[in-house]
Full PDB file with SEQRES, HELIX, SHEET, SSBOND, CRYST1, ORIGX, SCALE, CONECT and MASTER records, all heavy atoms in Angstrom:
SEQRES   1 A   29  THR ARG ASP VAL ILE ASP ALA GLU ILE LYS ARG ILE VAL          
SEQRES   2 A   29  THR GLU GLN ALA GLU ARG ALA GLN GLY LEU LEU SER GLN          
SEQRES   3 A   29  HIS ARG LYS                                                  
HELIX    1 AA1 ARG A    2  GLN A   26  1                                  25    
CRYST1    1.000    1.000    1.000  90.00  90.00  90.00 P 1           1          
ORIGX1      1.000000  0.000000  0.000000        0.00000                         
ORIGX2      0.000000  1.000000  0.000000        0.00000                         
ORIGX3      0.000000  0.000000  1.000000        0.00000                         
SCALE1      1.000000  0.000000  0.000000        0.00000                         
SCALE2      0.000000  1.000000  0.000000        0.00000                         
SCALE3      0.000000  0.000000  1.000000        0.00000                         
ATOM      1  N   THR A   1       1.842  11.400  15.424  1.00  0.00           N  
ATOM      2  CA  THR A   1       3.133  12.085  15.223  1.00  0.00           C  
ATOM      3  C   THR A   1       4.258  11.303  15.912  1.00  0.00           C  
ATOM      4  O   THR A   1       5.397  11.175  15.313  1.00  0.00           O  
ATOM      5  CB  THR A   1       3.008  13.433  15.767  1.00  0.00           C  
ATOM      6  OG1 THR A   1       1.956  14.151  15.106  1.00  0.00           O  
ATOM      7  CG2 THR A   1       4.270  14.228  15.542  1.00  0.00           C  
ATOM      8  N   ARG A   2       4.114  10.761  17.083  1.00  0.00           N  
ATOM      9  CA  ARG A   2       5.051  10.068  17.784  1.00  0.00           C  
ATOM     10  C   ARG A   2       5.453   8.861  16.954  1.00  0.00           C  
ATOM     11  O   ARG A   2       6.644   8.429  16.951  1.00  0.00           O  
ATOM     12  CB  ARG A   2       4.510   9.678  19.244  1.00  0.00           C  
ATOM     13  CG  ARG A   2       4.348  10.792  20.104  1.00  0.00           C  
ATOM     14  CD  ARG A   2       3.825  10.265  21.522  1.00  0.00           C  
ATOM     15  NE  ARG A   2       3.284  11.353  22.281  1.00  0.00           N  
ATOM     16  CZ  ARG A   2       2.548  11.159  23.366  1.00  0.00           C  
ATOM     17  NH1 ARG A   2       2.488  10.009  23.853  1.00  0.00           N  
ATOM     18  NH2 ARG A   2       1.999  12.287  24.069  1.00  0.00           N  
ATOM     19  N   ASP A   3       4.451   8.177  16.397  1.00  0.00           N  
ATOM     20  CA  ASP A   3       4.859   6.957  15.606  1.00  0.00           C  
ATOM     21  C   ASP A   3       5.707   7.235  14.460  1.00  0.00           C  
ATOM     22  O   ASP A   3       6.575   6.612  14.069  1.00  0.00           O  
ATOM     23  CB  ASP A   3       3.540   6.180  15.152  1.00  0.00           C  
ATOM     24  CG  ASP A   3       2.735   5.588  16.190  1.00  0.00           C  
ATOM     25  OD1 ASP A   3       3.348   5.340  17.253  1.00  0.00           O  
ATOM     26  OD2 ASP A   3       1.527   5.389  16.072  1.00  0.00           O  
ATOM     27  N   VAL A   4       5.496   8.548  13.829  1.00  0.00           N  
ATOM     28  CA  VAL A   4       6.134   8.991  12.586  1.00  0.00           C  
ATOM     29  C   VAL A   4       7.547   9.250  13.039  1.00  0.00           C  
ATOM     30  O   VAL A   4       8.506   8.908  12.419  1.00  0.00           O  
ATOM     31  CB  VAL A   4       5.523  10.172  11.924  1.00  0.00           C  
ATOM     32  CG1 VAL A   4       6.401  10.707  10.758  1.00  0.00           C  
ATOM     33  CG2 VAL A   4       4.082   9.819  11.379  1.00  0.00           C  
ATOM     34  N   ILE A   5       7.768   9.933  14.127  1.00  0.00           N  
ATOM     35  CA  ILE A   5       9.048  10.413  14.692  1.00  0.00           C  
ATOM     36  C   ILE A   5       9.891   9.021  15.039  1.00  0.00           C  
ATOM     37  O   ILE A   5      10.961   8.824  14.485  1.00  0.00           O  
ATOM     38  CB  ILE A   5       8.982  11.078  16.068  1.00  0.00           C  
ATOM     39  CG1 ILE A   5       8.302  12.576  15.681  1.00  0.00           C  
ATOM     40  CG2 ILE A   5      10.282  11.222  16.736  1.00  0.00           C  
ATOM     41  CD1 ILE A   5       8.102  13.349  17.004  1.00  0.00           C  
ATOM     42  N   ASP A   6       9.262   7.975  15.559  1.00  0.00           N  
ATOM     43  CA  ASP A   6       9.970   6.717  15.902  1.00  0.00           C  
ATOM     44  C   ASP A   6      10.440   6.158  14.610  1.00  0.00           C  
ATOM     45  O   ASP A   6      11.374   5.558  14.463  1.00  0.00           O  
ATOM     46  CB  ASP A   6       9.064   5.833  16.762  1.00  0.00           C  
ATOM     47  CG  ASP A   6       8.881   6.315  18.156  1.00  0.00           C  
ATOM     48  OD1 ASP A   6       9.703   7.152  18.501  1.00  0.00           O  
ATOM     49  OD2 ASP A   6       7.906   5.866  18.792  1.00  0.00           O  
ATOM     50  N   ALA A   7       9.469   6.092  13.654  1.00  0.00           N  
ATOM     51  CA  ALA A   7       9.794   5.552  12.274  1.00  0.00           C  
ATOM     52  C   ALA A   7      10.882   6.187  11.592  1.00  0.00           C  
ATOM     53  O   ALA A   7      11.722   5.461  10.941  1.00  0.00           O  
ATOM     54  CB  ALA A   7       8.494   5.384  11.431  1.00  0.00           C  
ATOM     55  N   GLU A   8      10.904   7.414  11.631  1.00  0.00           N  
ATOM     56  CA  GLU A   8      12.006   8.314  10.932  1.00  0.00           C  
ATOM     57  C   GLU A   8      13.295   8.068  11.601  1.00  0.00           C  
ATOM     58  O   GLU A   8      14.311   7.978  10.971  1.00  0.00           O  
ATOM     59  CB  GLU A   8      11.621   9.727  11.013  1.00  0.00           C  
ATOM     60  CG  GLU A   8      10.551  10.217   9.998  1.00  0.00           C  
ATOM     61  CD  GLU A   8      11.055   9.998   8.446  1.00  0.00           C  
ATOM     62  OE1 GLU A   8      11.811  10.817   8.040  1.00  0.00           O  
ATOM     63  OE2 GLU A   8      10.801   8.952   8.042  1.00  0.00           O  
ATOM     64  N   ILE A   9      13.399   8.005  12.993  1.00  0.00           N  
ATOM     65  CA  ILE A   9      14.618   7.673  13.704  1.00  0.00           C  
ATOM     66  C   ILE A   9      15.193   6.353  13.231  1.00  0.00           C  
ATOM     67  O   ILE A   9      16.438   6.164  12.896  1.00  0.00           O  
ATOM     68  CB  ILE A   9      14.290   7.828  15.074  1.00  0.00           C  
ATOM     69  CG1 ILE A   9      14.033   9.252  15.575  1.00  0.00           C  
ATOM     70  CG2 ILE A   9      15.632   7.370  15.886  1.00  0.00           C  
ATOM     71  CD1 ILE A   9      13.492   9.323  16.936  1.00  0.00           C  
ATOM     72  N   LYS A  10      14.351   5.375  13.265  1.00  0.00           N  
ATOM     73  CA  LYS A  10      14.665   4.022  12.923  1.00  0.00           C  
ATOM     74  C   LYS A  10      15.144   3.990  11.480  1.00  0.00           C  
ATOM     75  O   LYS A  10      16.185   3.315  11.203  1.00  0.00           O  
ATOM     76  CB  LYS A  10      13.405   3.098  13.111  1.00  0.00           C  
ATOM     77  CG  LYS A  10      13.837   1.691  12.841  1.00  0.00           C  
ATOM     78  CD  LYS A  10      12.669   0.731  12.854  1.00  0.00           C  
ATOM     79  CE  LYS A  10      13.008  -0.773  12.530  1.00  0.00           C  
ATOM     80  NZ  LYS A  10      11.884  -1.622  12.784  1.00  0.00           N  
ATOM     81  N   ARG A  11      14.504   4.720  10.547  1.00  0.00           N  
ATOM     82  CA  ARG A  11      14.906   4.746   9.111  1.00  0.00           C  
ATOM     83  C   ARG A  11      16.315   5.298   8.999  1.00  0.00           C  
ATOM     84  O   ARG A  11      17.016   4.747   8.262  1.00  0.00           O  
ATOM     85  CB  ARG A  11      13.879   5.552   8.322  1.00  0.00           C  
ATOM     86  CG  ARG A  11      14.280   5.675   6.810  1.00  0.00           C  
ATOM     87  CD  ARG A  11      13.294   6.617   6.178  1.00  0.00           C  
ATOM     88  NE  ARG A  11      13.446   7.810   6.644  1.00  0.00           N  
ATOM     89  CZ  ARG A  11      14.429   8.851   6.294  1.00  0.00           C  
ATOM     90  NH1 ARG A  11      15.392   8.422   5.451  1.00  0.00           N  
ATOM     91  NH2 ARG A  11      14.472   9.961   6.694  1.00  0.00           N  
ATOM     92  N   ILE A  12      16.490   6.437   9.601  1.00  0.00           N  
ATOM     93  CA  ILE A  12      17.848   7.052   9.477  1.00  0.00           C  
ATOM     94  C   ILE A  12      18.936   6.247   9.927  1.00  0.00           C  
ATOM     95  O   ILE A  12      19.970   6.074   9.268  1.00  0.00           O  
ATOM     96  CB  ILE A  12      17.898   8.503  10.295  1.00  0.00           C  
ATOM     97  CG1 ILE A  12      16.922   9.474   9.552  1.00  0.00           C  
ATOM     98  CG2 ILE A  12      19.247   8.980  10.340  1.00  0.00           C  
ATOM     99  CD1 ILE A  12      16.838  10.769  10.367  1.00  0.00           C  
ATOM    100  N   VAL A  13      18.815   5.555  11.098  1.00  0.00           N  
ATOM    101  CA  VAL A  13      19.862   4.820  11.655  1.00  0.00           C  
ATOM    102  C   VAL A  13      20.057   3.497  10.935  1.00  0.00           C  
ATOM    103  O   VAL A  13      21.014   3.023  10.583  1.00  0.00           O  
ATOM    104  CB  VAL A  13      19.499   4.407  13.141  1.00  0.00           C  
ATOM    105  CG1 VAL A  13      20.698   3.482  13.710  1.00  0.00           C  
ATOM    106  CG2 VAL A  13      19.560   5.663  13.948  1.00  0.00           C  
ATOM    107  N   THR A  14      18.910   2.818  10.418  1.00  0.00           N  
ATOM    108  CA  THR A  14      19.074   1.636   9.671  1.00  0.00           C  
ATOM    109  C   THR A  14      19.802   1.842   8.330  1.00  0.00           C  
ATOM    110  O   THR A  14      20.597   1.091   7.790  1.00  0.00           O  
ATOM    111  CB  THR A  14      17.610   1.070   9.513  1.00  0.00           C  
ATOM    112  OG1 THR A  14      16.968   0.832  10.625  1.00  0.00           O  
ATOM    113  CG2 THR A  14      17.745  -0.309   8.825  1.00  0.00           C  
ATOM    114  N   GLU A  15      19.246   2.972   7.678  1.00  0.00           N  
ATOM    115  CA  GLU A  15      19.883   3.311   6.332  1.00  0.00           C  
ATOM    116  C   GLU A  15      21.430   3.472   6.360  1.00  0.00           C  
ATOM    117  O   GLU A  15      22.197   3.027   5.751  1.00  0.00           O  
ATOM    118  CB  GLU A  15      19.362   4.585   5.731  1.00  0.00           C  
ATOM    119  CG  GLU A  15      17.939   4.277   5.182  1.00  0.00           C  
ATOM    120  CD  GLU A  15      17.407   5.556   4.608  1.00  0.00           C  
ATOM    121  OE1 GLU A  15      18.032   6.699   4.684  1.00  0.00           O  
ATOM    122  OE2 GLU A  15      16.273   5.540   4.109  1.00  0.00           O  
ATOM    123  N   GLN A  16      21.870   4.223   7.520  1.00  0.00           N  
ATOM    124  CA  GLN A  16      23.311   4.378   7.579  1.00  0.00           C  
ATOM    125  C   GLN A  16      24.017   3.064   8.069  1.00  0.00           C  
ATOM    126  O   GLN A  16      25.218   2.918   7.658  1.00  0.00           O  
ATOM    127  CB  GLN A  16      23.574   5.588   8.653  1.00  0.00           C  
ATOM    128  CG  GLN A  16      23.000   6.885   8.258  1.00  0.00           C  
ATOM    129  CD  GLN A  16      23.456   7.146   6.790  1.00  0.00           C  
ATOM    130  OE1 GLN A  16      24.575   7.147   6.470  1.00  0.00           O  
ATOM    131  NE2 GLN A  16      22.421   7.565   5.965  1.00  0.00           N  
ATOM    132  N   ALA A  17      23.474   2.289   8.779  1.00  0.00           N  
ATOM    133  CA  ALA A  17      24.014   0.978   9.205  1.00  0.00           C  
ATOM    134  C   ALA A  17      24.231   0.166   7.911  1.00  0.00           C  
ATOM    135  O   ALA A  17      25.304  -0.503   7.755  1.00  0.00           O  
ATOM    136  CB  ALA A  17      23.249   0.313  10.306  1.00  0.00           C  
ATOM    137  N   GLU A  18      23.180   0.115   7.132  1.00  0.00           N  
ATOM    138  CA  GLU A  18      23.235  -0.660   5.811  1.00  0.00           C  
ATOM    139  C   GLU A  18      24.355  -0.121   4.884  1.00  0.00           C  
ATOM    140  O   GLU A  18      25.069  -0.883   4.199  1.00  0.00           O  
ATOM    141  CB  GLU A  18      21.957  -0.713   5.204  1.00  0.00           C  
ATOM    142  CG  GLU A  18      20.921  -1.479   5.853  1.00  0.00           C  
ATOM    143  CD  GLU A  18      19.515  -1.341   5.344  1.00  0.00           C  
ATOM    144  OE1 GLU A  18      19.386  -0.497   4.407  1.00  0.00           O  
ATOM    145  OE2 GLU A  18      18.564  -2.172   5.714  1.00  0.00           O  
ATOM    146  N   ARG A  19      24.447   1.254   4.863  1.00  0.00           N  
ATOM    147  CA  ARG A  19      25.462   1.983   4.139  1.00  0.00           C  
ATOM    148  C   ARG A  19      26.764   1.571   4.440  1.00  0.00           C  
ATOM    149  O   ARG A  19      27.710   1.284   3.704  1.00  0.00           O  
ATOM    150  CB  ARG A  19      25.245   3.437   4.242  1.00  0.00           C  
ATOM    151  CG  ARG A  19      26.302   4.299   3.477  1.00  0.00           C  
ATOM    152  CD  ARG A  19      26.165   5.746   3.763  1.00  0.00           C  
ATOM    153  NE  ARG A  19      27.114   6.605   3.147  1.00  0.00           N  
ATOM    154  CZ  ARG A  19      27.383   7.865   3.697  1.00  0.00           C  
ATOM    155  NH1 ARG A  19      26.776   8.409   4.691  1.00  0.00           N  
ATOM    156  NH2 ARG A  19      28.273   8.598   3.095  1.00  0.00           N  
ATOM    157  N   ALA A  20      27.110   1.589   5.939  1.00  0.00           N  
ATOM    158  CA  ALA A  20      28.434   1.163   6.423  1.00  0.00           C  
ATOM    159  C   ALA A  20      28.700  -0.281   6.192  1.00  0.00           C  
ATOM    160  O   ALA A  20      29.930  -0.525   5.769  1.00  0.00           O  
ATOM    161  CB  ALA A  20      28.259   1.391   7.952  1.00  0.00           C  
ATOM    162  N   GLN A  21      27.805  -1.101   6.258  1.00  0.00           N  
ATOM    163  CA  GLN A  21      27.833  -2.427   5.896  1.00  0.00           C  
ATOM    164  C   GLN A  21      28.299  -2.653   4.472  1.00  0.00           C  
ATOM    165  O   GLN A  21      29.261  -3.428   4.206  1.00  0.00           O  
ATOM    166  CB  GLN A  21      26.658  -3.347   6.284  1.00  0.00           C  
ATOM    167  CG  GLN A  21      26.873  -4.834   6.395  1.00  0.00           C  
ATOM    168  CD  GLN A  21      25.630  -5.458   7.093  1.00  0.00           C  
ATOM    169  OE1 GLN A  21      24.970  -4.875   7.767  1.00  0.00           O  
ATOM    170  NE2 GLN A  21      25.562  -6.773   6.838  1.00  0.00           N  
ATOM    171  N   GLY A  22      27.660  -1.953   3.581  1.00  0.00           N  
ATOM    172  CA  GLY A  22      28.027  -2.023   2.215  1.00  0.00           C  
ATOM    173  C   GLY A  22      29.471  -1.530   1.859  1.00  0.00           C  
ATOM    174  O   GLY A  22      30.212  -2.197   1.099  1.00  0.00           O  
ATOM    175  N   LEU A  23      29.887  -0.536   2.450  1.00  0.00           N  
ATOM    176  CA  LEU A  23      31.127   0.084   2.234  1.00  0.00           C  
ATOM    177  C   LEU A  23      32.232  -0.977   2.732  1.00  0.00           C  
ATOM    178  O   LEU A  23      33.332  -1.178   2.105  1.00  0.00           O  
ATOM    179  CB  LEU A  23      31.388   1.456   2.995  1.00  0.00           C  
ATOM    180  CG  LEU A  23      30.603   2.495   2.214  1.00  0.00           C  
ATOM    181  CD1 LEU A  23      30.771   3.749   3.120  1.00  0.00           C  
ATOM    182  CD2 LEU A  23      31.385   2.971   0.970  1.00  0.00           C  
ATOM    183  N   LEU A  24      32.035  -1.546   3.950  1.00  0.00           N  
ATOM    184  CA  LEU A  24      32.929  -2.508   4.437  1.00  0.00           C  
ATOM    185  C   LEU A  24      33.039  -3.740   3.703  1.00  0.00           C  
ATOM    186  O   LEU A  24      34.103  -4.363   3.507  1.00  0.00           O  
ATOM    187  CB  LEU A  24      32.667  -2.761   6.011  1.00  0.00           C  
ATOM    188  CG  LEU A  24      32.846  -1.681   6.964  1.00  0.00           C  
ATOM    189  CD1 LEU A  24      32.359  -2.032   8.290  1.00  0.00           C  
ATOM    190  CD2 LEU A  24      34.379  -1.161   6.984  1.00  0.00           C  
ATOM    191  N   SER A  25      31.952  -4.165   3.016  1.00  0.00           N  
ATOM    192  CA  SER A  25      31.909  -5.351   2.214  1.00  0.00           C  
ATOM    193  C   SER A  25      32.824  -5.132   1.028  1.00  0.00           C  
ATOM    194  O   SER A  25      33.485  -6.060   0.451  1.00  0.00           O  
ATOM    195  CB  SER A  25      30.512  -5.715   1.781  1.00  0.00           C  
ATOM    196  OG  SER A  25      29.728  -6.113   2.980  1.00  0.00           O  
ATOM    197  N   GLN A  26      32.741  -3.869   0.505  1.00  0.00           N  
ATOM    198  CA  GLN A  26      33.431  -3.645  -0.692  1.00  0.00           C  
ATOM    199  C   GLN A  26      34.947  -3.585  -0.394  1.00  0.00           C  
ATOM    200  O   GLN A  26      35.741  -3.784  -1.179  1.00  0.00           O  
ATOM    201  CB  GLN A  26      33.079  -2.144  -1.225  1.00  0.00           C  
ATOM    202  CG  GLN A  26      31.646  -2.179  -1.860  1.00  0.00           C  
ATOM    203  CD  GLN A  26      31.236  -0.711  -2.265  1.00  0.00           C  
ATOM    204  OE1 GLN A  26      32.054   0.128  -2.476  1.00  0.00           O  
ATOM    205  NE2 GLN A  26      29.919  -0.586  -2.286  1.00  0.00           N  
ATOM    206  N   HIS A  27      35.290  -3.201   0.897  1.00  0.00           N  
ATOM    207  CA  HIS A  27      36.667  -2.952   1.226  1.00  0.00           C  
ATOM    208  C   HIS A  27      36.999  -3.993   2.316  1.00  0.00           C  
ATOM    209  O   HIS A  27      37.771  -3.811   3.264  1.00  0.00           O  
ATOM    210  CB  HIS A  27      36.952  -1.661   1.730  1.00  0.00           C  
ATOM    211  CG  HIS A  27      36.774  -0.415   0.751  1.00  0.00           C  
ATOM    212  ND1 HIS A  27      35.507  -0.079   0.523  1.00  0.00           N  
ATOM    213  CD2 HIS A  27      37.658   0.218   0.003  1.00  0.00           C  
ATOM    214  CE1 HIS A  27      35.676   0.936  -0.430  1.00  0.00           C  
ATOM    215  NE2 HIS A  27      36.957   0.996  -0.795  1.00  0.00           N  
ATOM    216  N   ARG A  28      36.701  -5.433   2.117  1.00  0.00           N  
ATOM    217  CA  ARG A  28      36.919  -6.419   3.069  1.00  0.00           C  
ATOM    218  C   ARG A  28      38.438  -6.630   3.273  1.00  0.00           C  
ATOM    219  O   ARG A  28      38.800  -6.806   4.445  1.00  0.00           O  
ATOM    220  CB  ARG A  28      36.265  -7.641   2.477  1.00  0.00           C  
ATOM    221  CG  ARG A  28      36.473  -8.930   3.222  1.00  0.00           C  
ATOM    222  CD  ARG A  28      36.058  -8.771   4.695  1.00  0.00           C  
ATOM    223  NE  ARG A  28      36.423  -9.911   5.477  1.00  0.00           N  
ATOM    224  CZ  ARG A  28      35.754 -11.120   5.564  1.00  0.00           C  
ATOM    225  NH1 ARG A  28      34.585 -11.332   4.937  1.00  0.00           N  
ATOM    226  NH2 ARG A  28      36.302 -12.174   6.271  1.00  0.00           N  
ATOM    227  N   LYS A  29      39.216  -6.560   2.208  1.00  0.00           N  
ATOM    228  CA  LYS A  29      40.601  -6.803   2.328  1.00  0.00           C  
ATOM    229  C   LYS A  29      41.188  -5.800   3.336  1.00  0.00           C  
ATOM    230  O   LYS A  29      42.079  -6.195   4.260  1.00  0.00           O  
ATOM    231  CB  LYS A  29      41.274  -6.738   0.915  1.00  0.00           C  
ATOM    232  CG  LYS A  29      42.751  -7.120   1.112  1.00  0.00           C  
ATOM    233  CD  LYS A  29      43.384  -7.025  -0.363  1.00  0.00           C  
ATOM    234  CE  LYS A  29      44.927  -7.208  -0.275  1.00  0.00           C  
ATOM    235  NZ  LYS A  29      45.591  -7.258  -1.642  1.00  0.00           N  
TER     236      LYS A  29                                                      
MASTER        0    0    0    1    0    0    0    6  235    1    0    3          
END                                                                             
């Protein structure tokens, strides 16, 4: 269960970081 918790926390943060990176790439100017 601890492993699943750690994996879920990492997934949430990583997904939002990639989302932010994608939005900023679209609005680079």
